Amino acid sequence: MEHDQQFLEYVVKALVDNPNDVKVSRTVDEMGVLLTLSVNKDDMGKVIGRSGATAKAIRTVLRVVGMKNDARVNLKIEEPEGSERGMGASYERDTTVDDVINDLKSS
């Protein structure tokens, strides 16, 4: 397991109520490293944070970890089946996790 993957797993497991459900997969392609995070649906709010603040902070630190290893690290947070939509306070009820993530990418 690479350092970026270990770091993400460690941080997310410390944040959630169901650490045994945290899964991180890692793929590398011409765009860099892609870490895909899967958590229990009840923990999505903790990982995303209010208005996406926690997810944005995790992404920022992952970028720094990646720079240390000359790699571009991106994070994809998978939306669990049956999850509640609209985790952040500033998002509408029908907002998906992908919408939140796209908002973070554009900011």
PDB file of N, CA and C in Angstrom:
ATOM      1  N   MET A   1       0.850  -1.182   0.000  1.00  0.00           N
ATOM      2  CA  MET A   1       0.000   0.000   0.000  1.00  0.00           C
ATOM      3  C   MET A   1       0.894   1.242   0.000  1.00  0.00           C
ATOM      4  N   GLU A   2       0.586   2.173  -0.877  1.00  0.00           N
ATOM      5  CA  GLU A   2       1.379   3.388  -1.006  1.00  0.00           C
ATOM      6  C   GLU A   2       1.070   4.369   0.126  1.00  0.00           C
ATOM      7  N   HIS A   3       1.966   5.346   0.323  1.00  0.00           N
ATOM      8  CA  HIS A   3       1.816   6.309   1.411  1.00  0.00           C
ATOM      9  C   HIS A   3       0.529   7.123   1.306  1.00  0.00           C
ATOM     10  N   ASP A   4       0.177   7.553   0.071  1.00  0.00           N
ATOM     11  CA  ASP A   4      -1.039   8.351  -0.077  1.00  0.00           C
ATOM     12  C   ASP A   4      -2.283   7.548   0.309  1.00  0.00           C
ATOM     13  N   GLN A   5      -2.303   6.294  -0.078  1.00  0.00           N
ATOM     14  CA  GLN A   5      -3.433   5.418   0.236  1.00  0.00           C
ATOM     15  C   GLN A   5      -3.506   5.143   1.749  1.00  0.00           C
ATOM     16  N   GLN A   6      -2.357   4.887   2.357  1.00  0.00           N
ATOM     17  CA  GLN A   6      -2.310   4.656   3.807  1.00  0.00           C
ATOM     18  C   GLN A   6      -2.776   5.894   4.561  1.00  0.00           C
ATOM     19  N   PHE A   7      -2.318   7.060   4.120  1.00  0.00           N
ATOM     20  CA  PHE A   7      -2.684   8.313   4.770  1.00  0.00           C
ATOM     21  C   PHE A   7      -4.190   8.527   4.718  1.00  0.00           C
ATOM     22  N   LEU A   8      -4.771   8.378   3.517  1.00  0.00           N
ATOM     23  CA  LEU A   8      -6.209   8.581   3.357  1.00  0.00           C
ATOM     24  C   LEU A   8      -6.997   7.627   4.247  1.00  0.00           C
ATOM     25  N   GLU A   9      -6.600   6.375   4.243  1.00  0.00           N
ATOM     26  CA  GLU A   9      -7.296   5.376   5.053  1.00  0.00           C
ATOM     27  C   GLU A   9      -7.219   5.727   6.540  1.00  0.00           C
ATOM     28  N   TYR A  10      -6.053   6.140   6.996  1.00  0.00           N
ATOM     29  CA  TYR A  10      -5.853   6.501   8.398  1.00  0.00           C
ATOM     30  C   TYR A  10      -6.740   7.682   8.797  1.00  0.00           C
ATOM     31  N   VAL A  11      -6.727   8.734   7.986  1.00  0.00           N
ATOM     32  CA  VAL A  11      -7.499   9.939   8.301  1.00  0.00           C
ATOM     33  C   VAL A  11      -8.998   9.646   8.299  1.00  0.00           C
ATOM     34  N   VAL A  12      -9.479   8.968   7.273  1.00  0.00           N
ATOM     35  CA  VAL A  12     -10.917   8.718   7.169  1.00  0.00           C
ATOM     36  C   VAL A  12     -11.388   7.788   8.282  1.00  0.00           C
ATOM     37  N   LYS A  13     -10.607   6.763   8.597  1.00  0.00           N
ATOM     38  CA  LYS A  13     -11.004   5.857   9.684  1.00  0.00           C
ATOM     39  C   LYS A  13     -11.110   6.595  11.020  1.00  0.00           C
ATOM     40  N   ALA A  14     -10.295   7.631  11.198  1.00  0.00           N
ATOM     41  CA  ALA A  14     -10.353   8.425  12.434  1.00  0.00           C
ATOM     42  C   ALA A  14     -11.600   9.313  12.473  1.00  0.00           C
ATOM     43  N   LEU A  15     -12.164   9.635  11.307  1.00  0.00           N
ATOM     44  CA  LEU A  15     -13.321  10.529  11.233  1.00  0.00           C
ATOM     45  C   LEU A  15     -14.669   9.827  11.378  1.00  0.00           C
ATOM     46  N   VAL A  16     -14.745   8.579  10.942  1.00  0.00           N
ATOM     47  CA  VAL A  16     -16.042   7.912  10.795  1.00  0.00           C
ATOM     48  C   VAL A  16     -16.412   7.053  11.997  1.00  0.00           C
ATOM     49  N   ASP A  17     -17.697   6.696  12.056  1.00  0.00           N
ATOM     50  CA  ASP A  17     -18.191   5.815  13.109  1.00  0.00           C
ATOM     51  C   ASP A  17     -18.040   4.341  12.747  1.00  0.00           C
ATOM     52  N   ASN A  18     -17.869   4.051  11.459  1.00  0.00           N
ATOM     53  CA  ASN A  18     -17.763   2.670  10.975  1.00  0.00           C
ATOM     54  C   ASN A  18     -16.443   2.461  10.233  1.00  0.00           C
ATOM     55  N   PRO A  19     -15.313   2.474  10.960  1.00  0.00           N
ATOM     56  CA  PRO A  19     -14.011   2.393  10.284  1.00  0.00           C
ATOM     57  C   PRO A  19     -13.794   1.092   9.513  1.00  0.00           C
ATOM     58  N   ASN A  20     -14.457   0.022   9.906  1.00  0.00           N
ATOM     59  CA  ASN A  20     -14.291  -1.248   9.189  1.00  0.00           C
ATOM     60  C   ASN A  20     -14.899  -1.200   7.784  1.00  0.00           C
ATOM     61  N   ASP A  21     -15.769  -0.221   7.526  1.00  0.00           N
ATOM     62  CA  ASP A  21     -16.392  -0.093   6.209  1.00  0.00           C
ATOM     63  C   ASP A  21     -15.595   0.807   5.260  1.00  0.00           C
ATOM     64  N   VAL A  22     -14.500   1.382   5.740  1.00  0.00           N
ATOM     65  CA  VAL A  22     -13.678   2.266   4.902  1.00  0.00           C
ATOM     66  C   VAL A  22     -12.842   1.417   3.944  1.00  0.00           C
ATOM     67  N   LYS A  23     -12.977   1.719   2.651  1.00  0.00           N
ATOM     68  CA  LYS A  23     -12.205   1.013   1.621  1.00  0.00           C
ATOM     69  C   LYS A  23     -11.576   2.069   0.707  1.00  0.00           C
ATOM     70  N   VAL A  24     -10.294   1.891   0.423  1.00  0.00           N
ATOM     71  CA  VAL A  24      -9.590   2.806  -0.474  1.00  0.00           C
ATOM     72  C   VAL A  24      -8.931   1.977  -1.572  1.00  0.00           C
ATOM     73  N   SER A  25      -9.241   2.298  -2.816  1.00  0.00           N
ATOM     74  CA  SER A  25      -8.547   1.656  -3.928  1.00  0.00           C
ATOM     75  C   SER A  25      -7.683   2.705  -4.615  1.00  0.00           C
ATOM     76  N   ARG A  26      -6.614   2.245  -5.241  1.00  0.00           N
ATOM     77  CA  ARG A  26      -5.632   3.149  -5.847  1.00  0.00           C
ATOM     78  C   ARG A  26      -5.349   2.705  -7.270  1.00  0.00           C
ATOM     79  N   THR A  27      -5.476   3.636  -8.212  1.00  0.00           N
ATOM     80  CA  THR A  27      -5.114   3.357  -9.595  1.00  0.00           C
ATOM     81  C   THR A  27      -4.185   4.462 -10.084  1.00  0.00           C
ATOM     82  N   VAL A  28      -3.308   4.114 -10.998  1.00  0.00           N
ATOM     83  CA  VAL A  28      -2.373   5.075 -11.569  1.00  0.00           C
ATOM     84  C   VAL A  28      -2.521   5.043 -13.086  1.00  0.00           C
ATOM     85  N   ASP A  29      -2.632   6.240 -13.685  1.00  0.00           N
ATOM     86  CA  ASP A  29      -2.666   6.338 -15.145  1.00  0.00           C
ATOM     87  C   ASP A  29      -1.912   7.598 -15.564  1.00  0.00           C
ATOM     88  N   GLU A  30      -2.097   8.013 -16.821  1.00  0.00           N
ATOM     89  CA  GLU A  30      -1.349   9.176 -17.310  1.00  0.00           C
ATOM     90  C   GLU A  30      -1.745  10.466 -16.602  1.00  0.00           C
ATOM     91  N   MET A  31      -2.907  10.484 -15.950  1.00  0.00           N
ATOM     92  CA  MET A  31      -3.364  11.671 -15.220  1.00  0.00           C
ATOM     93  C   MET A  31      -2.780  11.734 -13.804  1.00  0.00           C
ATOM     94  N   GLY A  32      -2.232  10.633 -13.332  1.00  0.00           N
ATOM     95  CA  GLY A  32      -1.676  10.590 -11.981  1.00  0.00           C
ATOM     96  C   GLY A  32      -2.311   9.481 -11.170  1.00  0.00           C
ATOM     97  N   VAL A  33      -2.399   9.711  -9.878  1.00  0.00           N
ATOM     98  CA  VAL A  33      -2.936   8.723  -8.951  1.00  0.00           C
ATOM     99  C   VAL A  33      -4.402   9.059  -8.671  1.00  0.00           C
ATOM    100  N   LEU A  34      -5.252   8.048  -8.726  1.00  0.00           N
ATOM    101  CA  LEU A  34      -6.655   8.231  -8.348  1.00  0.00           C
ATOM    102  C   LEU A  34      -6.942   7.324  -7.158  1.00  0.00           C
ATOM    103  N   LEU A  35      -7.299   7.953  -6.037  1.00  0.00           N
ATOM    104  CA  LEU A  35      -7.726   7.208  -4.858  1.00  0.00           C
ATOM    105  C   LEU A  35      -9.245   7.250  -4.824  1.00  0.00           C
ATOM    106  N   THR A  36      -9.858   6.086  -4.740  1.00  0.00           N
ATOM    107  CA  THR A  36     -11.309   5.993  -4.687  1.00  0.00           C
ATOM    108  C   THR A  36     -11.702   5.546  -3.289  1.00  0.00           C
ATOM    109  N   LEU A  37     -12.503   6.370  -2.626  1.00  0.00           N
ATOM    110  CA  LEU A  37     -12.887   6.140  -1.239  1.00  0.00           C
ATOM    111  C   LEU A  37     -14.326   5.673  -1.155  1.00  0.00           C
ATOM    112  N   SER A  38     -14.531   4.628  -0.372  1.00  0.00           N
ATOM    113  CA  SER A  38     -15.870   4.115  -0.108  1.00  0.00           C
ATOM    114  C   SER A  38     -16.045   4.025   1.398  1.00  0.00           C
ATOM    115  N   VAL A  39     -17.157   4.588   1.899  1.00  0.00           N
ATOM    116  CA  VAL A  39     -17.447   4.552   3.332  1.00  0.00           C
ATOM    117  C   VAL A  39     -18.897   4.128   3.536  1.00  0.00           C
ATOM    118  N   ASN A  40     -19.239   3.812   4.777  1.00  0.00           N
ATOM    119  CA  ASN A  40     -20.609   3.495   5.144  1.00  0.00           C
ATOM    120  C   ASN A  40     -21.490   4.707   4.841  1.00  0.00           C
ATOM    121  N   LYS A  41     -22.711   4.458   4.344  1.00  0.00           N
ATOM    122  CA  LYS A  41     -23.585   5.577   3.976  1.00  0.00           C
ATOM    123  C   LYS A  41     -23.856   6.521   5.147  1.00  0.00           C
ATOM    124  N   ASP A  42     -23.845   6.006   6.361  1.00  0.00           N
ATOM    125  CA  ASP A  42     -24.086   6.855   7.528  1.00  0.00           C
ATOM    126  C   ASP A  42     -22.912   7.790   7.829  1.00  0.00           C
ATOM    127  N   ASP A  43     -21.754   7.521   7.233  1.00  0.00           N
ATOM    128  CA  ASP A  43     -20.554   8.326   7.485  1.00  0.00           C
ATOM    129  C   ASP A  43     -20.263   9.346   6.388  1.00  0.00           C
ATOM    130  N   MET A  44     -21.072   9.378   5.335  1.00  0.00           N
ATOM    131  CA  MET A  44     -20.800  10.291   4.220  1.00  0.00           C
ATOM    132  C   MET A  44     -20.751  11.749   4.678  1.00  0.00           C
ATOM    133  N   GLY A  45     -21.639  12.143   5.550  1.00  0.00           N
ATOM    134  CA  GLY A  45     -21.655  13.523   6.030  1.00  0.00           C
ATOM    135  C   GLY A  45     -20.377  13.908   6.741  1.00  0.00           C
ATOM    136  N   LYS A  46     -19.804  12.956   7.482  1.00  0.00           N
ATOM    137  CA  LYS A  46     -18.550  13.229   8.198  1.00  0.00           C
ATOM    138  C   LYS A  46     -17.389  13.405   7.224  1.00  0.00           C
ATOM    139  N   VAL A  47     -17.395  12.628   6.149  1.00  0.00           N
ATOM    140  CA  VAL A  47     -16.307  12.684   5.172  1.00  0.00           C
ATOM    141  C   VAL A  47     -16.419  13.927   4.286  1.00  0.00           C
ATOM    142  N   ILE A  48     -17.641  14.268   3.877  1.00  0.00           N
ATOM    143  CA  ILE A  48     -17.843  15.443   3.026  1.00  0.00           C
ATOM    144  C   ILE A  48     -17.717  16.721   3.847  1.00  0.00           C
ATOM    145  N   GLY A  49     -18.338  16.748   5.031  1.00  0.00           N
ATOM    146  CA  GLY A  49     -18.297  17.933   5.882  1.00  0.00           C
ATOM    147  C   GLY A  49     -19.276  18.996   5.432  1.00  0.00           C
ATOM    148  N   ARG A  50     -19.448  19.997   6.253  1.00  0.00           N
ATOM    149  CA  ARG A  50     -20.376  21.080   5.923  1.00  0.00           C
ATOM    150  C   ARG A  50     -19.878  21.825   4.692  1.00  0.00           C
ATOM    151  N   SER A  51     -20.745  21.894   3.694  1.00  0.00           N
ATOM    152  CA  SER A  51     -20.414  22.546   2.405  1.00  0.00           C
ATOM    153  C   SER A  51     -19.168  21.951   1.753  1.00  0.00           C
ATOM    154  N   GLY A  52     -18.857  20.711   2.062  1.00  0.00           N
ATOM    155  CA  GLY A  52     -17.719  20.037   1.439  1.00  0.00           C
ATOM    156  C   GLY A  52     -16.373  20.380   2.037  1.00  0.00           C
ATOM    157  N   ALA A  53     -16.369  21.047   3.186  1.00  0.00           N
ATOM    158  CA  ALA A  53     -15.113  21.540   3.764  1.00  0.00           C
ATOM    159  C   ALA A  53     -14.152  20.410   4.131  1.00  0.00           C
ATOM    160  N   THR A  54     -14.661  19.328   4.704  1.00  0.00           N
ATOM    161  CA  THR A  54     -13.771  18.231   5.112  1.00  0.00           C
ATOM    162  C   THR A  54     -13.163  17.551   3.897  1.00  0.00           C
ATOM    163  N   ALA A  55     -13.985  17.263   2.887  1.00  0.00           N
ATOM    164  CA  ALA A  55     -13.479  16.635   1.660  1.00  0.00           C
ATOM    165  C   ALA A  55     -12.433  17.523   0.997  1.00  0.00           C
ATOM    166  N   LYS A  56     -12.670  18.818   0.984  1.00  0.00           N
ATOM    167  CA  LYS A  56     -11.718  19.754   0.365  1.00  0.00           C
ATOM    168  C   LYS A  56     -10.392  19.743   1.124  1.00  0.00           C
ATOM    169  N   ALA A  57     -10.461  19.713   2.453  1.00  0.00           N
ATOM    170  CA  ALA A  57      -9.238  19.682   3.266  1.00  0.00           C
ATOM    171  C   ALA A  57      -8.455  18.392   3.028  1.00  0.00           C
ATOM    172  N   ILE A  58      -9.169  17.275   2.960  1.00  0.00           N
ATOM    173  CA  ILE A  58      -8.504  15.982   2.701  1.00  0.00           C
ATOM    174  C   ILE A  58      -7.818  16.035   1.340  1.00  0.00           C
ATOM    175  N   ARG A  59      -8.498  16.578   0.329  1.00  0.00           N
ATOM    176  CA  ARG A  59      -7.906  16.677  -1.013  1.00  0.00           C
ATOM    177  C   ARG A  59      -6.641  17.539  -1.005  1.00  0.00           C
ATOM    178  N   THR A  60      -6.696  18.634  -0.261  1.00  0.00           N
ATOM    179  CA  THR A  60      -5.537  19.531  -0.191  1.00  0.00           C
ATOM    180  C   THR A  60      -4.331  18.820   0.399  1.00  0.00           C
ATOM    181  N   VAL A  61      -4.531  18.113   1.493  1.00  0.00           N
ATOM    182  CA  VAL A  61      -3.413  17.405   2.128  1.00  0.00           C
ATOM    183  C   VAL A  61      -2.927  16.269   1.235  1.00  0.00           C
ATOM    184  N   LEU A  62      -3.839  15.584   0.545  1.00  0.00           N
ATOM    185  CA  LEU A  62      -3.422  14.523  -0.383  1.00  0.00           C
ATOM    186  C   LEU A  62      -2.554  15.083  -1.508  1.00  0.00           C
ATOM    187  N   ARG A  63      -2.872  16.303  -1.967  1.00  0.00           N
ATOM    188  CA  ARG A  63      -2.039  16.932  -3.004  1.00  0.00           C
ATOM    189  C   ARG A  63      -0.623  17.153  -2.495  1.00  0.00           C
ATOM    190  N   VAL A  64      -0.507  17.577  -1.227  1.00  0.00           N
ATOM    191  CA  VAL A  64       0.814  17.805  -0.633  1.00  0.00           C
ATOM    192  C   VAL A  64       1.566  16.485  -0.506  1.00  0.00           C
ATOM    193  N   VAL A  65       0.881  15.444  -0.057  1.00  0.00           N
ATOM    194  CA  VAL A  65       1.502  14.113   0.038  1.00  0.00           C
ATOM    195  C   VAL A  65       1.966  13.664  -1.340  1.00  0.00           C
ATOM    196  N   GLY A  66       1.144  13.913  -2.359  1.00  0.00           N
ATOM    197  CA  GLY A  66       1.508  13.546  -3.725  1.00  0.00           C
ATOM    198  C   GLY A  66       2.710  14.314  -4.235  1.00  0.00           C
ATOM    199  N   MET A  67       2.768  15.620  -3.921  1.00  0.00           N
ATOM    200  CA  MET A  67       3.896  16.442  -4.377  1.00  0.00           C
ATOM    201  C   MET A  67       5.209  15.926  -3.803  1.00  0.00           C
ATOM    202  N   LYS A  68       5.169  15.447  -2.585  1.00  0.00           N
ATOM    203  CA  LYS A  68       6.376  14.897  -1.966  1.00  0.00           C
ATOM    204  C   LYS A  68       6.901  13.709  -2.771  1.00  0.00           C
ATOM    205  N   ASN A  69       5.981  12.979  -3.415  1.00  0.00           N
ATOM    206  CA  ASN A  69       6.353  11.807  -4.206  1.00  0.00           C
ATOM    207  C   ASN A  69       6.265  12.073  -5.710  1.00  0.00           C
ATOM    208  N   ASP A  70       6.269  13.364  -6.103  1.00  0.00           N
ATOM    209  CA  ASP A  70       6.182  13.749  -7.519  1.00  0.00           C
ATOM    210  C   ASP A  70       5.004  13.103  -8.234  1.00  0.00           C
ATOM    211  N   ALA A  71       3.844  13.077  -7.576  1.00  0.00           N
ATOM    212  CA  ALA A  71       2.659  12.487  -8.179  1.00  0.00           C
ATOM    213  C   ALA A  71       1.467  13.427  -7.989  1.00  0.00           C
ATOM    214  N   ARG A  72       0.583  13.432  -8.951  1.00  0.00           N
ATOM    215  CA  ARG A  72      -0.665  14.179  -8.836  1.00  0.00           C
ATOM    216  C   ARG A  72      -1.703  13.214  -8.255  1.00  0.00           C
ATOM    217  N   VAL A  73      -2.223  13.541  -7.077  1.00  0.00           N
ATOM    218  CA  VAL A  73      -3.163  12.652  -6.397  1.00  0.00           C
ATOM    219  C   VAL A  73      -4.555  13.268  -6.420  1.00  0.00           C
ATOM    220  N   ASN A  74      -5.517  12.508  -6.918  1.00  0.00           N
ATOM    221  CA  ASN A  74      -6.911  12.930  -6.940  1.00  0.00           C
ATOM    222  C   ASN A  74      -7.745  11.978  -6.091  1.00  0.00           C
ATOM    223  N   LEU A  75      -8.819  12.494  -5.521  1.00  0.00           N
ATOM    224  CA  LEU A  75      -9.689  11.701  -4.656  1.00  0.00           C
ATOM    225  C   LEU A  75     -11.091  11.655  -5.232  1.00  0.00           C
ATOM    226  N   LYS A  76     -11.623  10.455  -5.363  1.00  0.00           N
ATOM    227  CA  LYS A  76     -13.012  10.253  -5.757  1.00  0.00           C
ATOM    228  C   LYS A  76     -13.717   9.622  -4.561  1.00  0.00           C
ATOM    229  N   ILE A  77     -14.817  10.222  -4.143  1.00  0.00           N
ATOM    230  CA  ILE A  77     -15.604   9.669  -3.043  1.00  0.00           C
ATOM    231  C   ILE A  77     -16.840   9.027  -3.648  1.00  0.00           C
ATOM    232  N   GLU A  78     -16.958   7.711  -3.494  1.00  0.00           N
ATOM    233  CA  GLU A  78     -18.098   7.008  -4.067  1.00  0.00           C
ATOM    234  C   GLU A  78     -19.339   7.217  -3.219  1.00  0.00           C
ATOM    235  N   GLU A  79     -20.443   7.445  -3.888  1.00  0.00           N
ATOM    236  CA  GLU A  79     -21.714   7.590  -3.175  1.00  0.00           C
ATOM    237  C   GLU A  79     -22.271   6.190  -2.901  1.00  0.00           C
ATOM    238  N   PRO A  80     -22.479   5.860  -1.625  1.00  0.00           N
ATOM    239  CA  PRO A  80     -23.003   4.530  -1.309  1.00  0.00           C
ATOM    240  C   PRO A  80     -24.453   4.398  -1.744  1.00  0.00           C
ATOM    241  N   GLU A  81     -24.867   3.171  -2.046  1.00  0.00           N
ATOM    242  CA  GLU A  81     -26.258   2.926  -2.400  1.00  0.00           C
ATOM    243  C   GLU A  81     -27.154   3.246  -1.219  1.00  0.00           C
ATOM    244  N   GLY A  82     -28.262   3.904  -1.499  1.00  0.00           N
ATOM    245  CA  GLY A  82     -29.223   4.225  -0.449  1.00  0.00           C
ATOM    246  C   GLY A  82     -28.807   5.375   0.441  1.00  0.00           C
ATOM    247  N   SER A  83     -27.797   6.143   0.009  1.00  0.00           N
ATOM    248  CA  SER A  83     -27.332   7.246   0.862  1.00  0.00           C
ATOM    249  C   SER A  83     -28.332   8.391   0.819  1.00  0.00           C
ATOM    250  N   GLU A  84     -28.313   9.187   1.865  1.00  0.00           N
ATOM    251  CA  GLU A  84     -29.116  10.408   1.902  1.00  0.00           C
ATOM    252  C   GLU A  84     -28.435  11.409   0.993  1.00  0.00           C
ATOM    253  N   ARG A  85     -29.190  12.132   0.231  1.00  0.00           N
ATOM    254  CA  ARG A  85     -28.594  13.128  -0.664  1.00  0.00           C
ATOM    255  C   ARG A  85     -28.619  14.490  -0.004  1.00  0.00           C
ATOM    256  N   GLY A  86     -27.671  15.337  -0.408  1.00  0.00           N
ATOM    257  CA  GLY A  86     -27.635  16.698   0.130  1.00  0.00           C
ATOM    258  C   GLY A  86     -27.041  16.754   1.518  1.00  0.00           C
ATOM    259  N   MET A  87     -25.789  16.321   1.665  1.00  0.00           N
ATOM    260  CA  MET A  87     -25.148  16.268   2.979  1.00  0.00           C
ATOM    261  C   MET A  87     -24.785  17.646   3.515  1.00  0.00           C
ATOM    262  N   GLY A  88     -24.316  18.534   2.651  1.00  0.00           N
ATOM    263  CA  GLY A  88     -23.835  19.836   3.118  1.00  0.00           C
ATOM    264  C   GLY A  88     -24.973  20.811   3.351  1.00  0.00           C
ATOM    265  N   ALA A  89     -24.761  21.748   4.251  1.00  0.00           N
ATOM    266  CA  ALA A  89     -25.809  22.693   4.614  1.00  0.00           C
ATOM    267  C   ALA A  89     -26.221  23.569   3.438  1.00  0.00           C
ATOM    268  N   SER A  90     -25.303  23.858   2.508  1.00  0.00           N
ATOM    269  CA  SER A  90     -25.628  24.780   1.431  1.00  0.00           C
ATOM    270  C   SER A  90     -26.122  24.057   0.178  1.00  0.00           C
ATOM    271  N   TYR A  91     -26.361  22.776   0.236  1.00  0.00           N
ATOM    272  CA  TYR A  91     -26.786  22.023  -0.930  1.00  0.00           C
ATOM    273  C   TYR A  91     -28.259  21.674  -0.845  1.00  0.00           C
ATOM    274  N   GLU A  92     -28.893  21.653  -2.003  1.00  0.00           N
ATOM    275  CA  GLU A  92     -30.316  21.317  -2.071  1.00  0.00           C
ATOM    276  C   GLU A  92     -30.518  19.832  -1.796  1.00  0.00           C
ATOM    277  N   ARG A  93     -31.728  19.454  -1.514  1.00  0.00           N
ATOM    278  CA  ARG A  93     -32.073  18.071  -1.172  1.00  0.00           C
ATOM    279  C   ARG A  93     -31.682  17.082  -2.272  1.00  0.00           C
ATOM    280  N   ASP A  94     -31.795  17.479  -3.550  1.00  0.00           N
ATOM    281  CA  ASP A  94     -31.514  16.566  -4.658  1.00  0.00           C
ATOM    282  C   ASP A  94     -30.057  16.575  -5.114  1.00  0.00           C
ATOM    283  N   THR A  95     -29.182  17.272  -4.406  1.00  0.00           N
ATOM    284  CA  THR A  95     -27.773  17.328  -4.759  1.00  0.00           C
ATOM    285  C   THR A  95     -27.123  15.978  -4.483  1.00  0.00           C
ATOM    286  N   THR A  96     -26.338  15.491  -5.433  1.00  0.00           N
ATOM    287  CA  THR A  96     -25.641  14.223  -5.242  1.00  0.00           C
ATOM    288  C   THR A  96     -24.222  14.489  -4.747  1.00  0.00           C
ATOM    289  N   VAL A  97     -23.586  13.452  -4.266  1.00  0.00           N
ATOM    290  CA  VAL A  97     -22.191  13.564  -3.833  1.00  0.00           C
ATOM    291  C   VAL A  97     -21.323  13.978  -5.021  1.00  0.00           C
ATOM    292  N   ASP A  98     -21.638  13.471  -6.212  1.00  0.00           N
ATOM    293  CA  ASP A  98     -20.876  13.857  -7.401  1.00  0.00           C
ATOM    294  C   ASP A  98     -20.998  15.354  -7.667  1.00  0.00           C
ATOM    295  N   ASP A  99     -22.187  15.940  -7.436  1.00  0.00           N
ATOM    296  CA  ASP A  99     -22.349  17.388  -7.592  1.00  0.00           C
ATOM    297  C   ASP A  99     -21.451  18.132  -6.623  1.00  0.00           C
ATOM    298  N   VAL A 100     -21.410  17.662  -5.381  1.00  0.00           N
ATOM    299  CA  VAL A 100     -20.562  18.291  -4.364  1.00  0.00           C
ATOM    300  C   VAL A 100     -19.101  18.214  -4.792  1.00  0.00           C
ATOM    301  N   ILE A 101     -18.685  17.052  -5.256  1.00  0.00           N
ATOM    302  CA  ILE A 101     -17.294  16.849  -5.664  1.00  0.00           C
ATOM    303  C   ILE A 101     -16.956  17.751  -6.864  1.00  0.00           C
ATOM    304  N   ASN A 102     -17.873  17.853  -7.825  1.00  0.00           N
ATOM    305  CA  ASN A 102     -17.624  18.721  -8.973  1.00  0.00           C
ATOM    306  C   ASN A 102     -17.523  20.179  -8.543  1.00  0.00           C
ATOM    307  N   ASP A 103     -18.346  20.591  -7.564  1.00  0.00           N
ATOM    308  CA  ASP A 103     -18.246  21.947  -7.041  1.00  0.00           C
ATOM    309  C   ASP A 103     -16.869  22.175  -6.425  1.00  0.00           C
ATOM    310  N   LEU A 104     -16.366  21.177  -5.710  1.00  0.00           N
ATOM    311  CA  LEU A 104     -15.052  21.308  -5.078  1.00  0.00           C
ATOM    312  C   LEU A 104     -13.949  21.421  -6.134  1.00  0.00           C
ATOM    313  N   LYS A 105     -14.072  20.651  -7.205  1.00  0.00           N
ATOM    314  CA  LYS A 105     -13.059  20.693  -8.263  1.00  0.00           C
ATOM    315  C   LYS A 105     -13.005  22.059  -8.929  1.00  0.00           C
ATOM    316  N   SER A 106     -14.148  22.721  -9.026  1.00  0.00           N
ATOM    317  CA  SER A 106     -14.188  24.000  -9.717  1.00  0.00           C
ATOM    318  C   SER A 106     -13.825  25.177  -8.818  1.00  0.00           C
ATOM    319  N   SER A 107     -13.669  24.928  -7.530  1.00  0.00           N
ATOM    320  CA  SER A 107     -13.344  26.055  -6.646  1.00  0.00           C
ATOM    321  C   SER A 107     -11.867  26.192  -6.404  1.00  0.00           C
TER     322      SER A 107
END
